[in-house]
Every structure is written in structure tokens, then in C-alpha cells.
N, C-alpha and C. Protein backbone atom coordinates (compact mmCIF):
# COMPACT_ATOMS: atom_id res chain seq x y z
N UNK A 1 19.06 7.55 -15.03
CA UNK A 1 18.03 6.89 -14.60
C UNK A 1 17.30 7.90 -13.01
N UNK A 2 16.22 7.30 -13.19
CA UNK A 2 15.27 8.40 -11.80
C UNK A 2 15.56 7.12 -10.23
N UNK A 3 15.83 7.73 -9.09
CA UNK A 3 15.90 6.70 -8.14
C UNK A 3 14.42 6.01 -8.17
N UNK A 4 14.24 4.92 -7.94
CA UNK A 4 13.09 4.06 -6.90
C UNK A 4 13.01 2.96 -5.99
N UNK A 5 12.67 2.46 -5.43
CA UNK A 5 12.30 1.48 -4.72
C UNK A 5 12.55 -0.04 -5.19
N UNK A 6 13.31 -1.19 -4.37
CA UNK A 6 13.04 -2.48 -4.40
C UNK A 6 12.67 -2.78 -2.95
N UNK A 7 11.96 -3.44 -3.18
CA UNK A 7 10.98 -4.18 -1.69
C UNK A 7 11.09 -5.49 -2.63
N UNK A 8 11.33 -6.74 -1.42
CA UNK A 8 11.68 -7.92 -1.86
C UNK A 8 10.53 -8.82 -0.77
N UNK A 9 9.36 -9.05 -1.06
CA UNK A 9 8.30 -9.89 0.21
C UNK A 9 8.04 -11.19 0.29
N UNK A 10 7.82 -12.12 1.17
CA UNK A 10 7.15 -13.30 0.70
C UNK A 10 6.15 -13.04 0.41
N UNK A 11 5.13 -14.04 -0.02
CA UNK A 11 3.96 -14.33 -0.09
C UNK A 11 3.91 -16.26 -0.13
N UNK A 12 2.33 -16.29 -0.06
CA UNK A 12 1.80 -17.68 -0.05
C UNK A 12 1.79 -18.35 -1.08
N UNK A 13 1.28 -17.91 -2.28
CA UNK A 13 1.06 -18.12 -3.32
C UNK A 13 1.23 -17.08 -4.12
N UNK A 14 1.97 -17.43 -5.40
CA UNK A 14 2.60 -16.45 -6.31
C UNK A 14 1.59 -16.28 -7.16
N UNK A 15 0.62 -17.42 -7.89
CA UNK A 15 -0.45 -17.08 -8.61
C UNK A 15 -2.17 -16.20 -8.03
N UNK A 16 -2.14 -16.85 -6.91
CA UNK A 16 -2.95 -15.48 -6.08
C UNK A 16 -3.18 -14.44 -5.66
N UNK A 17 -1.29 -14.31 -5.94
CA UNK A 17 -0.81 -12.76 -5.34
C UNK A 17 -0.90 -12.33 -6.10
N UNK A 18 -0.60 -12.47 -7.99
CA UNK A 18 -0.13 -11.41 -8.92
C UNK A 18 -1.30 -11.32 -9.57
N UNK A 19 -2.40 -12.67 -9.90
CA UNK A 19 -3.72 -12.04 -9.87
C UNK A 19 -4.01 -11.12 -9.14
N UNK A 20 -4.26 -10.70 -7.60
CA UNK A 20 -4.55 -9.30 -6.99
C UNK A 20 -4.01 -8.62 -7.10
N UNK A 21 -2.74 -7.87 -7.33
CA UNK A 21 -2.27 -6.27 -8.17
C UNK A 21 -2.41 -6.67 -9.55
N UNK A 22 -2.82 -7.42 -10.40
CA UNK A 22 -3.46 -7.37 -11.98
C UNK A 22 -4.49 -6.91 -11.66
N UNK A 23 -5.30 -7.46 -10.78
CA UNK A 23 -6.76 -7.05 -10.60
C UNK A 23 -6.77 -5.20 -10.26
N UNK A 24 -5.36 -4.73 -9.03
CA UNK A 24 -5.52 -3.61 -9.17
C UNK A 24 -4.94 -2.80 -10.50
N UNK A 25 -4.75 -3.23 -11.33
CA UNK A 25 -4.61 -2.70 -13.02
C UNK A 25 -2.26 -2.26 -12.45
N UNK A 26 -1.75 -3.17 -11.68
CA UNK A 26 -1.02 -3.18 -11.51
C UNK A 26 0.76 -4.14 -12.54
N UNK A 27 1.28 -3.69 -13.69
CA UNK A 27 2.02 -4.76 -14.09
C UNK A 27 3.28 -5.47 -13.90
N UNK A 28 2.96 -6.51 -13.82
CA UNK A 28 4.14 -7.85 -13.20
C UNK A 28 5.18 -7.39 -14.60
N UNK A 29 6.34 -8.36 -13.84
CA UNK A 29 7.56 -7.94 -15.54
C UNK A 29 7.97 -8.95 -14.94
N UNK A 30 9.05 -9.34 -14.93
CA UNK A 30 9.84 -10.67 -14.69
C UNK A 30 9.77 -11.39 -13.54
N UNK A 31 9.28 -12.67 -14.24
CA UNK A 31 8.70 -14.22 -13.45
C UNK A 31 9.66 -14.97 -13.08
N UNK A 32 9.38 -15.77 -12.58
CA UNK A 32 9.61 -17.24 -12.86
C UNK A 32 8.87 -18.48 -11.73
N UNK A 33 8.43 -19.43 -11.71
CA UNK A 33 7.60 -20.93 -10.81
C UNK A 33 7.36 -19.63 -9.17
N UNK A 34 8.72 -19.28 -8.49
CA UNK A 34 8.81 -19.22 -7.46
C UNK A 34 9.02 -17.80 -6.77
N UNK A 35 8.40 -16.69 -8.29
CA UNK A 35 8.84 -15.16 -7.76
C UNK A 35 8.57 -14.86 -8.78
N UNK A 36 7.75 -13.60 -8.67
CA UNK A 36 7.60 -12.39 -9.53
C UNK A 36 7.79 -10.77 -9.30
N UNK A 37 8.10 -10.56 -10.68
CA UNK A 37 8.07 -8.85 -10.23
C UNK A 37 6.98 -7.84 -10.46
N UNK A 38 6.49 -6.67 -9.59
CA UNK A 38 4.93 -5.94 -9.89
C UNK A 38 5.82 -4.66 -9.74
N UNK A 39 5.15 -3.99 -11.48
CA UNK A 39 5.86 -2.34 -10.77
C UNK A 39 5.00 -1.49 -10.04
N UNK A 40 4.85 -1.21 -8.98
CA UNK A 40 4.10 -0.64 -8.45
C UNK A 40 4.60 1.42 -8.78
N UNK A 41 3.98 1.94 -9.61
CA UNK A 41 3.87 3.31 -10.10
C UNK A 41 5.90 3.42 -10.18
N UNK A 42 6.05 2.43 -10.57
CA UNK A 42 7.71 2.63 -11.27
C UNK A 42 7.95 1.85 -10.26
N UNK A 43 7.64 1.21 -9.08
CA UNK A 43 9.17 0.44 -8.34
C UNK A 43 9.16 -0.39 -8.01
N UNK A 44 10.06 -0.60 -8.11
CA UNK A 44 9.94 -3.06 -7.76
C UNK A 44 9.56 -3.36 -6.71
N UNK A 45 8.55 -4.53 -6.40
CA UNK A 45 7.71 -5.25 -5.68
C UNK A 45 7.92 -6.65 -5.69
N UNK A 46 9.12 -7.05 -5.17
CA UNK A 46 9.31 -8.90 -5.92
C UNK A 46 8.58 -8.94 -4.29
N UNK A 47 7.58 -10.06 -5.26
CA UNK A 47 6.94 -11.61 -4.35
C UNK A 47 7.23 -12.47 -4.64
N UNK A 48 8.27 -13.27 -3.12
CA UNK A 48 8.54 -14.59 -3.35
C UNK A 48 8.48 -15.35 -3.11
N UNK A 49 7.59 -16.54 -3.08
CA UNK A 49 7.11 -17.65 -2.77
C UNK A 49 7.15 -18.28 -0.97
N UNK A 50 7.11 -18.04 -0.04
CA UNK A 50 6.74 -19.09 1.45
C UNK A 50 5.71 -19.07 1.77
N UNK A 51 5.35 -20.47 1.75
CA UNK A 51 4.28 -20.36 2.12
C UNK A 51 3.68 -19.92 3.57
N UNK A 52 4.74 -20.45 4.30
CA UNK A 52 4.77 -20.31 6.22
C UNK A 52 4.79 -19.32 6.28
N UNK A 53 4.93 -18.37 5.70
CA UNK A 53 5.03 -16.91 6.57
C UNK A 53 3.75 -16.27 6.77
N UNK A 54 4.21 -15.93 7.90
CA UNK A 54 2.98 -15.20 8.90
C UNK A 54 2.79 -13.58 9.10
N UNK A 55 2.02 -12.97 8.87
CA UNK A 55 2.04 -11.36 8.90
C UNK A 55 1.66 -10.96 10.20
N UNK A 56 2.75 -10.72 10.91
CA UNK A 56 1.83 -10.05 11.92
C UNK A 56 0.55 -8.65 12.27
N UNK A 57 0.15 -8.86 13.50
CA UNK A 57 -1.54 -7.82 13.28
C UNK A 57 -1.79 -6.99 14.14
N UNK A 58 -0.31 -6.78 14.84
CA UNK A 58 -0.54 -5.38 15.75
C UNK A 58 -0.71 -4.06 15.27
N UNK A 59 -1.22 -3.48 16.23
CA UNK A 59 -1.46 -1.61 15.40
C UNK A 59 -0.91 -0.41 16.55
N UNK A 60 -1.07 -0.18 16.18
CA UNK A 60 -0.15 1.05 16.42
C UNK A 60 -1.79 2.76 16.27
N UNK A 61 -1.43 3.33 17.13
CA UNK A 61 -2.52 4.78 17.25
C UNK A 61 -1.52 5.76 16.63
N UNK A 62 -2.81 6.27 15.52
CA UNK A 62 -1.74 7.32 14.76
C UNK A 62 -3.55 8.40 14.98
N UNK A 63 -3.02 9.84 14.86
CA UNK A 63 -4.60 10.63 15.19
C UNK A 63 -5.75 10.06 15.46
N UNK A 64 -5.62 9.39 16.14
CA UNK A 64 -6.80 8.18 17.26
C UNK A 64 -6.95 7.21 15.83
N UNK A 65 -6.94 6.82 15.36
CA UNK A 65 -6.51 5.72 15.07
C UNK A 65 -6.19 4.62 14.68
N UNK A 66 -6.51 3.45 14.69
CA UNK A 66 -5.43 2.48 15.21
C UNK A 66 -5.33 2.07 13.34
N UNK A 67 -3.87 1.47 13.19
CA UNK A 67 -3.28 1.17 11.83
C UNK A 67 -2.70 -0.45 12.20
N UNK A 68 -2.10 -0.57 10.88
CA UNK A 68 -1.52 -2.17 10.93
C UNK A 68 -0.08 -1.81 11.06
N UNK A 69 0.78 -1.57 11.52
CA UNK A 69 2.32 -1.61 12.21
C UNK A 69 2.95 -2.73 11.05
N UNK A 70 2.85 -3.52 10.36
CA UNK A 70 3.43 -3.87 9.01
C UNK A 70 2.36 -3.28 7.96
N UNK A 71 2.62 -2.81 7.53
CA UNK A 71 2.33 -2.61 5.73
C UNK A 71 2.91 -1.56 4.86
N UNK A 72 2.80 -1.86 3.96
CA UNK A 72 3.24 -0.88 2.64
C UNK A 72 2.92 -0.44 1.90
N UNK A 73 2.81 0.51 0.98
CA UNK A 73 1.90 1.34 0.36
C UNK A 73 2.57 2.90 -0.61
N UNK A 74 1.52 3.69 -1.39
CA UNK A 74 2.41 4.45 -2.30
C UNK A 74 1.72 5.70 -1.94
N UNK A 75 1.87 6.88 -2.37
CA UNK A 75 1.14 7.68 -2.37
C UNK A 75 1.20 8.85 -3.63
N UNK A 76 0.56 8.94 -3.60
CA UNK A 76 -0.01 8.71 -4.86
C UNK A 76 -1.18 10.48 -4.76
N UNK A 77 -1.32 11.29 -5.99
CA UNK A 77 -2.04 12.13 -6.81
C UNK A 77 -3.75 12.56 -6.00
N UNK A 78 -3.79 13.44 -5.22
CA UNK A 78 -5.50 13.30 -4.97
C UNK A 78 -6.32 12.98 -5.70
N UNK A 79 -6.13 12.60 -7.41
CA UNK A 79 -6.59 11.97 -8.33
C UNK A 79 -6.53 10.87 -8.79
N UNK A 80 -5.12 10.27 -8.42
CA UNK A 80 -5.38 8.92 -8.70
C UNK A 80 -5.59 8.20 -7.43
N UNK A 81 -5.71 9.25 -6.17
CA UNK A 81 -6.10 8.43 -5.17
C UNK A 81 -8.02 8.52 -4.75
N UNK A 82 -8.23 9.51 -5.22
CA UNK A 82 -10.13 8.97 -5.97
C UNK A 82 -10.45 8.12 -6.66
N UNK A 83 -9.39 8.04 -7.91
CA UNK A 83 -9.94 6.78 -8.45
C UNK A 83 -9.94 5.41 -8.22
N UNK A 84 -8.84 4.99 -7.47
CA UNK A 84 -8.56 3.69 -7.07
C UNK A 84 -9.38 3.57 -5.89
N UNK A 85 -9.53 4.41 -4.58
CA UNK A 85 -10.50 4.02 -4.50
C UNK A 85 -11.82 3.95 -4.36
N UNK A 86 -12.52 4.85 -4.94
CA UNK A 86 -14.22 4.85 -5.78
C UNK A 86 -14.01 3.07 -6.62
N UNK A 87 -12.92 2.63 -7.18
CA UNK A 87 -12.24 1.05 -7.78
C UNK A 87 -12.76 0.23 -6.92
N UNK A 88 -12.02 0.55 -5.82
CA UNK A 88 -12.03 -0.56 -4.50
C UNK A 88 -12.91 -0.21 -3.45
N UNK A 89 -13.65 0.23 -3.65
CA UNK A 89 -14.39 0.50 -1.95
C UNK A 89 -15.10 -0.06 -1.34
N UNK A 90 -15.73 -1.00 -2.97
CA UNK A 90 -17.18 -2.22 -2.40
C UNK A 90 -16.62 -3.32 -2.56
N UNK A 91 -15.33 -3.80 -2.65
CA UNK A 91 -14.55 -4.90 -2.85
C UNK A 91 -14.13 -5.45 -1.29
N UNK A 92 -13.97 -6.72 -1.55
CA UNK A 92 -14.16 -7.84 0.18
C UNK A 92 -12.53 -7.46 0.63
N UNK A 93 -11.90 -7.67 -0.25
CA UNK A 93 -10.67 -6.86 -0.31
C UNK A 93 -10.19 -4.91 0.98
N UNK A 94 -11.35 -4.76 1.11
CA UNK A 94 -11.02 -2.94 1.58
C UNK A 94 -11.41 -3.41 2.77
N UNK A 95 -9.73 -2.82 3.06
CA UNK A 95 -9.68 -2.89 4.19
C UNK A 95 -10.07 -2.10 5.62
N UNK A 96 -9.74 -0.69 5.27
CA UNK A 96 -10.18 0.26 6.10
C UNK A 96 -10.39 1.71 5.35
N UNK A 97 -11.26 2.28 5.40
CA UNK A 97 -11.88 3.31 4.52
C UNK A 97 -11.01 4.57 4.75
N UNK A 98 -11.24 5.50 3.85
CA UNK A 98 -10.91 6.93 3.53
C UNK A 98 -11.10 7.61 5.03
N UNK A 99 -10.04 7.82 5.03
CA UNK A 99 -9.70 8.24 7.06
C UNK A 99 -8.78 9.69 6.17
N UNK A 100 -8.82 10.57 7.43
CA UNK A 100 -8.39 11.86 7.60
C UNK A 100 -7.29 11.91 8.36
N UNK A 101 -5.69 12.25 8.05
CA UNK A 101 -5.12 12.25 9.27
C UNK A 101 -4.43 13.48 9.26
N UNK A 102 -3.65 14.47 10.61
CA UNK A 102 -3.03 15.73 10.92
C UNK A 102 -3.82 16.70 10.41
N UNK A 103 -6.08 16.89 10.21
CA UNK A 103 -6.33 17.95 9.32
C UNK A 103 -5.90 19.52 10.53
N UNK A 104 -5.27 20.26 8.93
CA UNK A 104 -5.55 21.56 9.74
C UNK A 104 -3.74 21.84 10.44
N UNK A 105 -2.66 20.10 9.76
CA UNK A 105 -1.72 21.20 10.24
C UNK A 105 -0.54 20.25 8.84
N UNK A 106 0.72 20.42 9.08
CA UNK A 106 1.50 19.98 7.98
C UNK A 106 1.68 17.94 8.32
N UNK A 107 1.21 17.54 6.83
CA UNK A 107 1.24 16.79 6.78
C UNK A 107 0.12 16.00 6.37
N UNK A 108 -0.98 17.05 6.10
CA UNK A 108 -2.38 16.78 6.44
C UNK A 108 -2.01 15.52 4.93
N UNK A 109 -2.44 14.37 5.24
CA UNK A 109 -3.38 13.08 3.83
C UNK A 109 -4.59 12.55 4.80
N UNK A 110 -4.68 11.89 3.12
CA UNK A 110 -5.54 10.74 3.20
C UNK A 110 -5.65 9.44 3.18
N UNK A 111 -6.26 8.42 3.88
CA UNK A 111 -5.37 7.30 3.69
C UNK A 111 -6.90 6.49 3.00
N UNK A 112 -6.43 5.40 2.19
CA UNK A 112 -7.10 4.01 2.54
C UNK A 112 -6.36 3.24 2.54
N UNK A 113 -6.55 1.66 3.03
CA UNK A 113 -5.63 0.39 2.48
C UNK A 113 -6.83 -0.55 2.58
N UNK A 114 -6.11 -1.63 1.83
CA UNK A 114 -6.29 -3.17 1.24
C UNK A 114 -5.73 -4.31 1.66
N UNK A 115 -6.07 -5.19 1.93
CA UNK A 115 -4.91 -6.57 1.91
C UNK A 115 -5.89 -7.18 1.11
N UNK A 116 -4.25 -7.55 0.77
CA UNK A 116 -4.18 -8.47 -0.22
C UNK A 116 -4.30 -9.95 0.24
N UNK A 117 -3.66 -11.12 -0.64
CA UNK A 117 -4.19 -12.60 -0.15
C UNK A 117 -2.98 -13.05 0.46
N UNK A 118 -2.16 -12.52 0.94
CA UNK A 118 -0.78 -12.69 1.90
C UNK A 118 -0.99 -12.00 3.00
N UNK A 119 -2.57 -11.18 3.75
CA UNK A 119 -2.22 -10.75 4.38
C UNK A 119 -2.00 -8.95 4.73
N UNK A 120 -1.29 -8.85 3.80
CA UNK A 120 -0.19 -7.96 3.88
C UNK A 120 -1.37 -6.47 3.63
N UNK A 121 -1.15 -5.25 4.27
CA UNK A 121 -2.04 -3.92 4.39
C UNK A 121 -1.47 -2.97 3.08
N UNK A 122 -2.21 -2.45 2.08
CA UNK A 122 -1.13 -1.63 1.38
C UNK A 122 -2.35 -0.63 1.40
N UNK A 123 -1.13 0.50 1.87
CA UNK A 123 -1.95 1.82 1.90
C UNK A 123 -2.32 2.61 1.01
N UNK A 124 -3.00 3.49 0.08
CA UNK A 124 -3.09 4.82 -0.68
C UNK A 124 -2.97 6.10 -0.15
N UNK A 125 -2.31 6.86 -0.16
CA UNK A 125 -2.27 8.04 0.50
C UNK A 125 -1.92 9.62 -0.92
N UNK A 126 -2.56 10.32 0.35
CA UNK A 126 -2.50 11.61 -0.79
C UNK A 126 -2.38 12.69 0.04
N UNK A 127 -1.29 13.65 -0.18
CA UNK A 127 -1.40 15.06 1.02
C UNK A 127 -1.81 16.42 0.19
N UNK A 128 -2.55 16.85 1.24
CA UNK A 128 -3.44 18.17 0.89
C UNK A 128 -1.79 18.66 0.25
N UNK A 129 -1.23 19.05 0.76
CA UNK A 129 0.30 19.66 0.11
C UNK A 129 1.34 18.77 -0.24
N UNK A 130 2.18 18.25 -1.32
CA UNK A 130 3.02 17.72 -2.11
C UNK A 130 4.40 17.71 -1.13
N UNK A 131 4.78 19.14 -0.73
CA UNK A 131 5.96 19.67 -0.17
C UNK A 131 5.54 18.86 1.36
N UNK A 132 4.34 18.47 1.67
CA UNK A 132 4.59 17.79 3.05
C UNK A 132 4.83 16.92 3.57
N UNK A 133 5.30 16.10 2.37
CA UNK A 133 4.97 14.02 2.45
C UNK A 133 6.81 13.95 3.79
N UNK A 134 7.93 14.83 3.65
CA UNK A 134 8.37 14.17 5.38
C UNK A 134 8.63 16.12 5.91
N UNK A 135 7.74 17.19 5.64
CA UNK A 135 7.71 17.83 6.16
C UNK A 135 6.62 17.89 7.79
N UNK A 136 6.50 18.30 8.72
CA UNK A 136 5.53 18.25 9.66
C UNK A 136 5.35 19.02 10.99
N UNK A 137 4.55 19.29 11.79
CA UNK A 137 4.55 19.75 12.93
C UNK A 137 5.23 18.81 13.69
N UNK A 138 6.31 19.33 14.99
CA UNK A 138 5.82 18.45 15.54
C UNK A 138 4.92 17.67 16.73
N UNK A 139 4.76 16.06 16.09
CA UNK A 139 3.78 15.52 16.47
C UNK A 139 4.00 15.15 17.82
N UNK A 140 5.16 15.05 19.33
CA UNK A 140 5.16 14.21 20.00
C UNK A 140 4.23 15.69 20.79
């Protein structure tokens, strides 16, 4: 079996959260009345019911853009990124448009963000060079 990640996070409403991610095209797996598993490009994200969650909304500055501290995302091919972007750019949950980071440097990539029904920011990212995912120029 190849390595995959598992992330478990709370959600305010199981049904709305499940419908949102299904609308994005992700399949759901094992589930119960208070949790469900999501197949996020072959990785397992488990949403568990907690009506009292409060998502932090602070941001940080990166490459002169303000981005949400708390977010999760997926790195995908340029082709998949473009398909996802075009599919969702006019949706009300579209949060941050196409943004280029580290232009002309190692780690150059493009991102956009969606916001799910719980207030989580979901980032879709594609790198100019796939070898640069963990390699970068000194950013200090």
C-alpha cells in the first residue's frame, strides 16, 4: 500500500458538509450519523460532528498576499487545477481566486481557495515544477 494521509476534523453539520464535498466531486466512504470519511484524491479526511466548532479566521502574509492560517489542501496537476478552477470560480463558496506565488523562484506555484460549510478553507495548489514541492530558495 502506498502512503496516504488521514486527517480528522470537526464539522457543524454532517449532511451539509457531505453534500458540499460530493458537489466538488469527492466520494464519501464509511459513515455514521455523526461522522463520514471523504476520499480526497486518495487520502482520507474524516469529518466528525461538533456543532460548537469555531474556525479561527486570522491570516498570515506570504508573497504579499494574506492567506488563512488554518486551511488544508491538495497539490494537483496543472490540468486538474484548471478543471477545478473553471468548474468552481463562479460558486458562492469560491473564496480566493487564482494567485501565483514565488514567481520565477523554486517553489513557484498557483493556488485558489474554496470555503466549505464549516468555514474551512480548502486550497487547490499546482506547482510549476513538481520537484519543487518541498524544495525552495531560502525565503528568509
